[in-house]
Amino acid sequence: MREFGREERVADFIRDELASIIQRQMRDPRVGMVSVNEVKVSKDLSYAEVYVSSHETKTDEERSDLISVLNKAAGYFRSELAKRHSMRTTPKPRFHYDEVIERGPALESLIEKAVHADGKHRADGKHRADEQQRTDEENHRDG
């Protein structure tokens, strides 16, 4: 099994700590319940791309506002993260809205329809092949 590199360990740390900070310390009512889904840290550890989602944001405007609030608080998050580790530098968080959570059920539905259609297509093809085989056998007996 592959060991995690430094970037992955730092990303996991930042994901867990940001989730805690947002949940326990953020007082901005525009933030609400936010899930920190993924963090990707640059090789030089200068930036952390943070992907978040919220079930409370229904429109693109609300999502944009949420990301704006979080990005404006990036300095606060960075200083809170710096208090919680002993690394030489703390990556600057840059927040992005992760739409995978909303798209998941729709993609699941599309996959289910495709699998069903494929199954039906295969069943129809097998039925036609069976009929063709019977016809060929009958023709062979008659011939």
N, C-alpha and C. Protein backbone atom coordinates (compact mmCIF):
# COMPACT_ATOMS: atom_id res chain seq x y z
N MET A 1 0.85 -1.19 0.00
CA MET A 1 0.00 0.00 0.00
C MET A 1 0.89 1.24 0.00
N ARG A 2 0.53 2.23 -0.80
CA ARG A 2 1.32 3.44 -0.96
C ARG A 2 1.19 4.33 0.27
N GLU A 3 2.33 4.85 0.72
CA GLU A 3 2.28 5.78 1.84
C GLU A 3 1.83 7.15 1.35
N PHE A 4 1.16 7.86 2.24
CA PHE A 4 0.73 9.21 1.88
C PHE A 4 1.94 10.13 1.85
N GLY A 5 1.97 11.00 0.83
CA GLY A 5 3.01 12.00 0.76
C GLY A 5 2.69 13.17 1.67
N ARG A 6 3.62 14.07 1.75
CA ARG A 6 3.45 15.22 2.64
C ARG A 6 2.21 16.03 2.27
N GLU A 7 1.99 16.26 0.97
CA GLU A 7 0.84 17.05 0.54
C GLU A 7 -0.47 16.42 1.00
N GLU A 8 -0.56 15.09 0.89
CA GLU A 8 -1.79 14.41 1.30
C GLU A 8 -2.01 14.52 2.81
N ARG A 9 -0.93 14.37 3.58
CA ARG A 9 -1.07 14.49 5.04
C ARG A 9 -1.49 15.90 5.44
N VAL A 10 -0.88 16.89 4.80
CA VAL A 10 -1.23 18.29 5.09
C VAL A 10 -2.67 18.55 4.66
N ALA A 11 -3.07 18.04 3.50
CA ALA A 11 -4.44 18.23 3.00
C ALA A 11 -5.45 17.62 3.96
N ASP A 12 -5.17 16.41 4.44
CA ASP A 12 -6.08 15.77 5.40
C ASP A 12 -6.19 16.59 6.69
N PHE A 13 -5.05 17.07 7.17
CA PHE A 13 -5.04 17.90 8.38
C PHE A 13 -5.89 19.16 8.17
N ILE A 14 -5.67 19.84 7.05
CA ILE A 14 -6.40 21.08 6.76
C ILE A 14 -7.89 20.80 6.63
N ARG A 15 -8.26 19.74 5.93
CA ARG A 15 -9.67 19.38 5.77
C ARG A 15 -10.35 19.21 7.13
N ASP A 16 -9.72 18.42 7.99
CA ASP A 16 -10.31 18.15 9.31
C ASP A 16 -10.38 19.41 10.17
N GLU A 17 -9.31 20.18 10.17
CA GLU A 17 -9.26 21.38 11.02
C GLU A 17 -10.20 22.46 10.51
N LEU A 18 -10.25 22.67 9.19
CA LEU A 18 -11.18 23.68 8.65
C LEU A 18 -12.62 23.31 8.94
N ALA A 19 -12.94 22.03 8.82
CA ALA A 19 -14.31 21.59 9.13
C ALA A 19 -14.65 21.94 10.58
N SER A 20 -13.70 21.72 11.47
CA SER A 20 -13.91 22.03 12.89
C SER A 20 -14.04 23.54 13.12
N ILE A 21 -13.16 24.31 12.51
CA ILE A 21 -13.20 25.77 12.68
C ILE A 21 -14.51 26.33 12.15
N ILE A 22 -14.91 25.90 10.96
CA ILE A 22 -16.15 26.41 10.36
C ILE A 22 -17.35 26.04 11.24
N GLN A 23 -17.36 24.82 11.71
CA GLN A 23 -18.50 24.35 12.51
C GLN A 23 -18.56 25.02 13.88
N ARG A 24 -17.42 25.21 14.53
CA ARG A 24 -17.43 25.68 15.92
C ARG A 24 -17.15 27.16 16.11
N GLN A 25 -16.46 27.78 15.17
CA GLN A 25 -16.00 29.14 15.42
C GLN A 25 -16.59 30.20 14.48
N MET A 26 -17.09 29.79 13.33
CA MET A 26 -17.65 30.78 12.40
C MET A 26 -18.97 31.29 12.94
N ARG A 27 -19.13 32.59 12.96
CA ARG A 27 -20.36 33.19 13.48
C ARG A 27 -21.18 33.87 12.39
N ASP A 28 -20.71 33.79 11.15
CA ASP A 28 -21.41 34.45 10.05
C ASP A 28 -22.64 33.62 9.68
N PRO A 29 -23.84 34.22 9.75
CA PRO A 29 -25.06 33.45 9.45
C PRO A 29 -25.14 33.00 7.98
N ARG A 30 -24.38 33.60 7.10
CA ARG A 30 -24.39 33.21 5.69
C ARG A 30 -23.68 31.88 5.46
N VAL A 31 -22.89 31.45 6.43
CA VAL A 31 -22.12 30.23 6.26
C VAL A 31 -22.95 28.99 6.57
N GLY A 32 -23.60 28.93 7.70
CA GLY A 32 -24.45 27.78 8.03
C GLY A 32 -23.66 26.49 8.11
N MET A 33 -24.32 25.41 7.76
CA MET A 33 -23.69 24.08 7.80
C MET A 33 -22.94 23.84 6.49
N VAL A 34 -21.63 23.79 6.58
CA VAL A 34 -20.78 23.60 5.42
C VAL A 34 -20.00 22.31 5.58
N SER A 35 -19.92 21.56 4.50
CA SER A 35 -19.11 20.34 4.48
C SER A 35 -17.82 20.64 3.72
N VAL A 36 -16.70 20.29 4.32
CA VAL A 36 -15.41 20.40 3.64
C VAL A 36 -15.17 19.04 3.00
N ASN A 37 -15.35 18.97 1.69
CA ASN A 37 -15.32 17.70 0.97
C ASN A 37 -13.92 17.24 0.61
N GLU A 38 -13.09 18.16 0.18
CA GLU A 38 -11.76 17.79 -0.29
C GLU A 38 -10.83 18.98 -0.18
N VAL A 39 -9.56 18.70 0.05
CA VAL A 39 -8.53 19.74 0.06
C VAL A 39 -7.37 19.23 -0.78
N LYS A 40 -6.89 20.07 -1.67
CA LYS A 40 -5.71 19.75 -2.48
C LYS A 40 -4.66 20.82 -2.17
N VAL A 41 -3.49 20.38 -1.76
CA VAL A 41 -2.42 21.31 -1.37
C VAL A 41 -1.38 21.36 -2.48
N SER A 42 -0.89 22.58 -2.77
CA SER A 42 0.14 22.74 -3.79
C SER A 42 1.44 22.08 -3.31
N LYS A 43 2.29 21.71 -4.26
CA LYS A 43 3.55 21.03 -3.93
C LYS A 43 4.40 21.82 -2.95
N ASP A 44 4.41 23.14 -3.10
CA ASP A 44 5.23 23.97 -2.21
C ASP A 44 4.49 24.36 -0.92
N LEU A 45 3.30 23.81 -0.74
CA LEU A 45 2.46 24.05 0.45
C LEU A 45 2.06 25.51 0.64
N SER A 46 2.06 26.28 -0.45
CA SER A 46 1.68 27.69 -0.31
C SER A 46 0.17 27.90 -0.40
N TYR A 47 -0.53 27.02 -1.11
CA TYR A 47 -1.98 27.14 -1.26
C TYR A 47 -2.68 25.83 -0.97
N ALA A 48 -3.89 25.96 -0.48
CA ALA A 48 -4.76 24.80 -0.27
C ALA A 48 -6.07 25.09 -0.98
N GLU A 49 -6.37 24.30 -2.00
CA GLU A 49 -7.64 24.44 -2.71
C GLU A 49 -8.67 23.66 -1.91
N VAL A 50 -9.66 24.36 -1.37
CA VAL A 50 -10.63 23.75 -0.46
C VAL A 50 -11.98 23.68 -1.15
N TYR A 51 -12.52 22.47 -1.27
CA TYR A 51 -13.81 22.24 -1.94
C TYR A 51 -14.87 21.97 -0.89
N VAL A 52 -15.88 22.85 -0.88
CA VAL A 52 -16.94 22.78 0.13
C VAL A 52 -18.30 22.67 -0.54
N SER A 53 -19.28 22.23 0.26
CA SER A 53 -20.66 22.22 -0.20
C SER A 53 -21.56 22.49 0.98
N SER A 54 -22.81 22.83 0.67
CA SER A 54 -23.79 23.10 1.72
C SER A 54 -25.17 22.77 1.18
N HIS A 55 -25.94 22.05 1.98
CA HIS A 55 -27.32 21.74 1.57
C HIS A 55 -28.22 22.95 1.74
N GLU A 56 -27.73 23.97 2.41
CA GLU A 56 -28.54 25.17 2.65
C GLU A 56 -28.50 26.13 1.48
N THR A 57 -27.54 25.99 0.58
CA THR A 57 -27.45 26.87 -0.58
C THR A 57 -28.20 26.22 -1.73
N LYS A 58 -29.22 26.91 -2.21
CA LYS A 58 -30.06 26.34 -3.27
C LYS A 58 -29.80 26.97 -4.64
N THR A 59 -29.33 28.21 -4.65
CA THR A 59 -29.12 28.90 -5.92
C THR A 59 -27.63 29.16 -6.15
N ASP A 60 -27.30 29.47 -7.39
CA ASP A 60 -25.91 29.81 -7.71
C ASP A 60 -25.47 31.05 -6.96
N GLU A 61 -26.39 31.98 -6.77
CA GLU A 61 -26.06 33.22 -6.05
C GLU A 61 -25.71 32.92 -4.58
N GLU A 62 -26.49 32.04 -3.95
CA GLU A 62 -26.19 31.66 -2.56
C GLU A 62 -24.85 30.94 -2.47
N ARG A 63 -24.56 30.09 -3.44
CA ARG A 63 -23.28 29.38 -3.45
C ARG A 63 -22.13 30.37 -3.62
N SER A 64 -22.32 31.31 -4.52
CA SER A 64 -21.31 32.33 -4.77
C SER A 64 -21.07 33.18 -3.51
N ASP A 65 -22.15 33.54 -2.83
CA ASP A 65 -22.02 34.31 -1.59
C ASP A 65 -21.26 33.52 -0.54
N LEU A 66 -21.58 32.25 -0.41
CA LEU A 66 -20.89 31.40 0.56
C LEU A 66 -19.39 31.36 0.28
N ILE A 67 -19.03 31.14 -0.96
CA ILE A 67 -17.61 31.07 -1.33
C ILE A 67 -16.93 32.41 -1.10
N SER A 68 -17.63 33.50 -1.40
CA SER A 68 -17.08 34.83 -1.17
C SER A 68 -16.80 35.07 0.32
N VAL A 69 -17.76 34.69 1.16
CA VAL A 69 -17.58 34.86 2.62
C VAL A 69 -16.38 34.03 3.10
N LEU A 70 -16.31 32.79 2.65
CA LEU A 70 -15.20 31.93 3.09
C LEU A 70 -13.85 32.44 2.59
N ASN A 71 -13.80 32.91 1.34
CA ASN A 71 -12.53 33.44 0.82
C ASN A 71 -12.12 34.73 1.51
N LYS A 72 -13.09 35.55 1.90
CA LYS A 72 -12.76 36.77 2.65
C LYS A 72 -12.23 36.44 4.04
N ALA A 73 -12.62 35.28 4.57
CA ALA A 73 -12.15 34.85 5.89
C ALA A 73 -10.90 33.97 5.80
N ALA A 74 -10.29 33.89 4.62
CA ALA A 74 -9.14 33.01 4.43
C ALA A 74 -7.99 33.35 5.38
N GLY A 75 -7.77 34.62 5.65
CA GLY A 75 -6.71 35.02 6.58
C GLY A 75 -6.99 34.51 7.98
N TYR A 76 -8.23 34.60 8.39
CA TYR A 76 -8.64 34.08 9.70
C TYR A 76 -8.40 32.57 9.76
N PHE A 77 -8.84 31.86 8.73
CA PHE A 77 -8.65 30.41 8.70
C PHE A 77 -7.16 30.05 8.73
N ARG A 78 -6.37 30.80 7.99
CA ARG A 78 -4.93 30.52 7.94
C ARG A 78 -4.29 30.72 9.31
N SER A 79 -4.67 31.79 10.01
CA SER A 79 -4.09 32.02 11.33
C SER A 79 -4.54 30.96 12.33
N GLU A 80 -5.80 30.52 12.23
CA GLU A 80 -6.29 29.45 13.12
C GLU A 80 -5.57 28.13 12.83
N LEU A 81 -5.35 27.86 11.55
CA LEU A 81 -4.61 26.64 11.19
C LEU A 81 -3.17 26.70 11.72
N ALA A 82 -2.55 27.88 11.62
CA ALA A 82 -1.16 28.03 12.07
C ALA A 82 -1.03 27.74 13.57
N LYS A 83 -2.07 28.05 14.34
CA LYS A 83 -2.04 27.78 15.78
C LYS A 83 -2.11 26.29 16.08
N ARG A 84 -2.57 25.49 15.11
CA ARG A 84 -2.84 24.08 15.35
C ARG A 84 -1.79 23.13 14.80
N HIS A 85 -0.70 23.66 14.26
CA HIS A 85 0.36 22.78 13.75
C HIS A 85 1.72 23.43 13.96
N SER A 86 2.76 22.68 13.64
CA SER A 86 4.12 23.19 13.85
C SER A 86 4.91 23.28 12.54
N MET A 87 4.20 23.37 11.41
CA MET A 87 4.89 23.50 10.12
C MET A 87 5.48 24.90 10.00
N ARG A 88 6.47 25.02 9.14
CA ARG A 88 7.11 26.31 8.93
C ARG A 88 6.14 27.30 8.27
N THR A 89 5.36 26.82 7.31
CA THR A 89 4.39 27.69 6.65
C THR A 89 3.01 27.05 6.71
N THR A 90 2.01 27.89 6.59
CA THR A 90 0.63 27.43 6.55
C THR A 90 0.05 27.78 5.18
N PRO A 91 -0.47 26.79 4.47
CA PRO A 91 -1.05 27.07 3.14
C PRO A 91 -2.22 28.06 3.25
N LYS A 92 -2.32 28.94 2.25
CA LYS A 92 -3.42 29.88 2.20
C LYS A 92 -4.63 29.17 1.58
N PRO A 93 -5.74 29.10 2.31
CA PRO A 93 -6.91 28.41 1.74
C PRO A 93 -7.60 29.23 0.66
N ARG A 94 -7.98 28.57 -0.41
CA ARG A 94 -8.80 29.17 -1.47
C ARG A 94 -10.01 28.27 -1.63
N PHE A 95 -11.18 28.83 -1.41
CA PHE A 95 -12.40 28.04 -1.38
C PHE A 95 -13.08 27.98 -2.74
N HIS A 96 -13.64 26.80 -3.02
CA HIS A 96 -14.39 26.55 -4.25
C HIS A 96 -15.63 25.76 -3.88
N TYR A 97 -16.72 25.98 -4.61
CA TYR A 97 -17.93 25.21 -4.33
C TYR A 97 -17.84 23.88 -5.06
N ASP A 98 -18.09 22.80 -4.35
CA ASP A 98 -18.02 21.45 -4.90
C ASP A 98 -19.43 21.00 -5.24
N GLU A 99 -19.74 20.96 -6.52
CA GLU A 99 -21.09 20.62 -6.97
C GLU A 99 -21.31 19.11 -7.10
N VAL A 100 -20.31 18.33 -6.81
CA VAL A 100 -20.43 16.88 -6.94
C VAL A 100 -21.56 16.35 -6.07
N ILE A 101 -21.73 16.92 -4.89
CA ILE A 101 -22.77 16.45 -3.97
C ILE A 101 -24.15 16.62 -4.61
N GLU A 102 -24.40 17.77 -5.23
CA GLU A 102 -25.69 17.99 -5.87
C GLU A 102 -25.85 17.18 -7.14
N ARG A 103 -24.76 16.99 -7.86
CA ARG A 103 -24.83 16.27 -9.12
C ARG A 103 -24.89 14.76 -8.92
N GLY A 104 -24.47 14.29 -7.78
CA GLY A 104 -24.41 12.85 -7.51
C GLY A 104 -25.71 12.12 -7.79
N PRO A 105 -26.84 12.53 -7.17
CA PRO A 105 -28.10 11.82 -7.42
C PRO A 105 -28.52 11.85 -8.90
N ALA A 106 -28.29 12.96 -9.57
CA ALA A 106 -28.65 13.05 -10.99
C ALA A 106 -27.79 12.10 -11.82
N LEU A 107 -26.49 12.04 -11.52
CA LEU A 107 -25.61 11.13 -12.24
C LEU A 107 -25.98 9.68 -11.95
N GLU A 108 -26.32 9.40 -10.69
CA GLU A 108 -26.73 8.06 -10.31
C GLU A 108 -27.96 7.63 -11.12
N SER A 109 -28.91 8.54 -11.27
CA SER A 109 -30.12 8.26 -12.02
C SER A 109 -29.80 7.98 -13.48
N LEU A 110 -28.91 8.78 -14.07
CA LEU A 110 -28.51 8.57 -15.46
C LEU A 110 -27.83 7.21 -15.64
N ILE A 111 -26.98 6.86 -14.70
CA ILE A 111 -26.29 5.57 -14.78
C ILE A 111 -27.29 4.43 -14.68
N GLU A 112 -28.24 4.56 -13.76
CA GLU A 112 -29.26 3.53 -13.58
C GLU A 112 -30.08 3.35 -14.86
N LYS A 113 -30.46 4.47 -15.50
CA LYS A 113 -31.22 4.38 -16.75
C LYS A 113 -30.39 3.71 -17.85
N ALA A 114 -29.10 4.04 -17.92
CA ALA A 114 -28.23 3.46 -18.94
C ALA A 114 -28.07 1.96 -18.72
N VAL A 115 -27.90 1.55 -17.48
CA VAL A 115 -27.75 0.12 -17.17
C VAL A 115 -29.04 -0.62 -17.52
N HIS A 116 -30.18 -0.01 -17.17
CA HIS A 116 -31.47 -0.63 -17.48
C HIS A 116 -31.66 -0.76 -18.99
N ALA A 117 -31.35 0.31 -19.72
CA ALA A 117 -31.49 0.29 -21.18
C ALA A 117 -30.55 -0.74 -21.79
N ASP A 118 -29.33 -0.84 -21.27
CA ASP A 118 -28.37 -1.81 -21.77
C ASP A 118 -28.86 -3.23 -21.51
N GLY A 119 -29.40 -3.46 -20.32
CA GLY A 119 -29.94 -4.78 -19.99
C GLY A 119 -31.08 -5.16 -20.91
N LYS A 120 -31.97 -4.20 -21.17
CA LYS A 120 -33.10 -4.44 -22.06
C LYS A 120 -32.60 -4.71 -23.48
N HIS A 121 -31.62 -3.93 -23.91
CA HIS A 121 -31.04 -4.09 -25.25
C HIS A 121 -30.42 -5.49 -25.39
N ARG A 122 -29.70 -5.92 -24.37
CA ARG A 122 -29.08 -7.25 -24.40
C ARG A 122 -30.14 -8.34 -24.42
N ALA A 123 -31.19 -8.16 -23.60
CA ALA A 123 -32.27 -9.16 -23.56
C ALA A 123 -32.95 -9.25 -24.92
N ASP A 124 -33.22 -8.09 -25.56
CA ASP A 124 -33.84 -8.09 -26.89
C ASP A 124 -32.93 -8.77 -27.91
N GLY A 125 -31.64 -8.49 -27.83
CA GLY A 125 -30.67 -9.09 -28.75
C GLY A 125 -30.59 -10.59 -28.56
N LYS A 126 -30.60 -11.05 -27.31
CA LYS A 126 -30.56 -12.49 -27.03
C LYS A 126 -31.82 -13.16 -27.56
N HIS A 127 -32.97 -12.50 -27.37
CA HIS A 127 -34.24 -13.05 -27.87
C HIS A 127 -34.18 -13.20 -29.40
N ARG A 128 -33.68 -12.20 -30.10
CA ARG A 128 -33.57 -12.26 -31.56
C ARG A 128 -32.59 -13.37 -31.97
N ALA A 129 -31.48 -13.49 -31.25
CA ALA A 129 -30.49 -14.52 -31.58
C ALA A 129 -31.08 -15.91 -31.38
N ASP A 130 -31.86 -16.09 -30.30
CA ASP A 130 -32.51 -17.39 -30.06
C ASP A 130 -33.49 -17.72 -31.17
N GLU A 131 -34.27 -16.72 -31.60
CA GLU A 131 -35.22 -16.94 -32.69
C GLU A 131 -34.49 -17.31 -33.97
N GLN A 132 -33.39 -16.62 -34.26
CA GLN A 132 -32.62 -16.88 -35.47
C GLN A 132 -32.05 -18.30 -35.42
N GLN A 133 -31.57 -18.71 -34.23
CA GLN A 133 -31.02 -20.05 -34.10
C GLN A 133 -32.10 -21.11 -34.35
N ARG A 134 -33.31 -20.89 -33.80
CA ARG A 134 -34.41 -21.83 -34.03
C ARG A 134 -34.76 -21.89 -35.51
N THR A 135 -34.81 -20.75 -36.17
CA THR A 135 -35.12 -20.70 -37.61
C THR A 135 -34.06 -21.44 -38.40
N ASP A 136 -32.79 -21.22 -38.06
CA ASP A 136 -31.70 -21.90 -38.74
C ASP A 136 -31.79 -23.41 -38.56
N GLU A 137 -32.12 -23.85 -37.32
CA GLU A 137 -32.24 -25.28 -37.04
C GLU A 137 -33.40 -25.88 -37.83
N GLU A 138 -34.52 -25.14 -37.89
CA GLU A 138 -35.69 -25.64 -38.66
C GLU A 138 -35.33 -25.75 -40.14
N ASN A 139 -34.69 -24.73 -40.67
CA ASN A 139 -34.28 -24.75 -42.07
C ASN A 139 -33.30 -25.89 -42.36
N HIS A 140 -32.43 -26.15 -41.42
CA HIS A 140 -31.44 -27.21 -41.59
C HIS A 140 -32.12 -28.58 -41.61
N ARG A 141 -33.16 -28.77 -40.75
CA ARG A 141 -33.90 -30.04 -40.72
C ARG A 141 -34.71 -30.22 -42.00
N ASP A 142 -35.30 -29.10 -42.44
CA ASP A 142 -36.16 -29.18 -43.62
C ASP A 142 -35.33 -29.35 -44.90
N GLY A 143 -34.13 -28.84 -44.89
CA GLY A 143 -33.31 -28.79 -46.09
C GLY A 143 -32.61 -30.00 -46.41
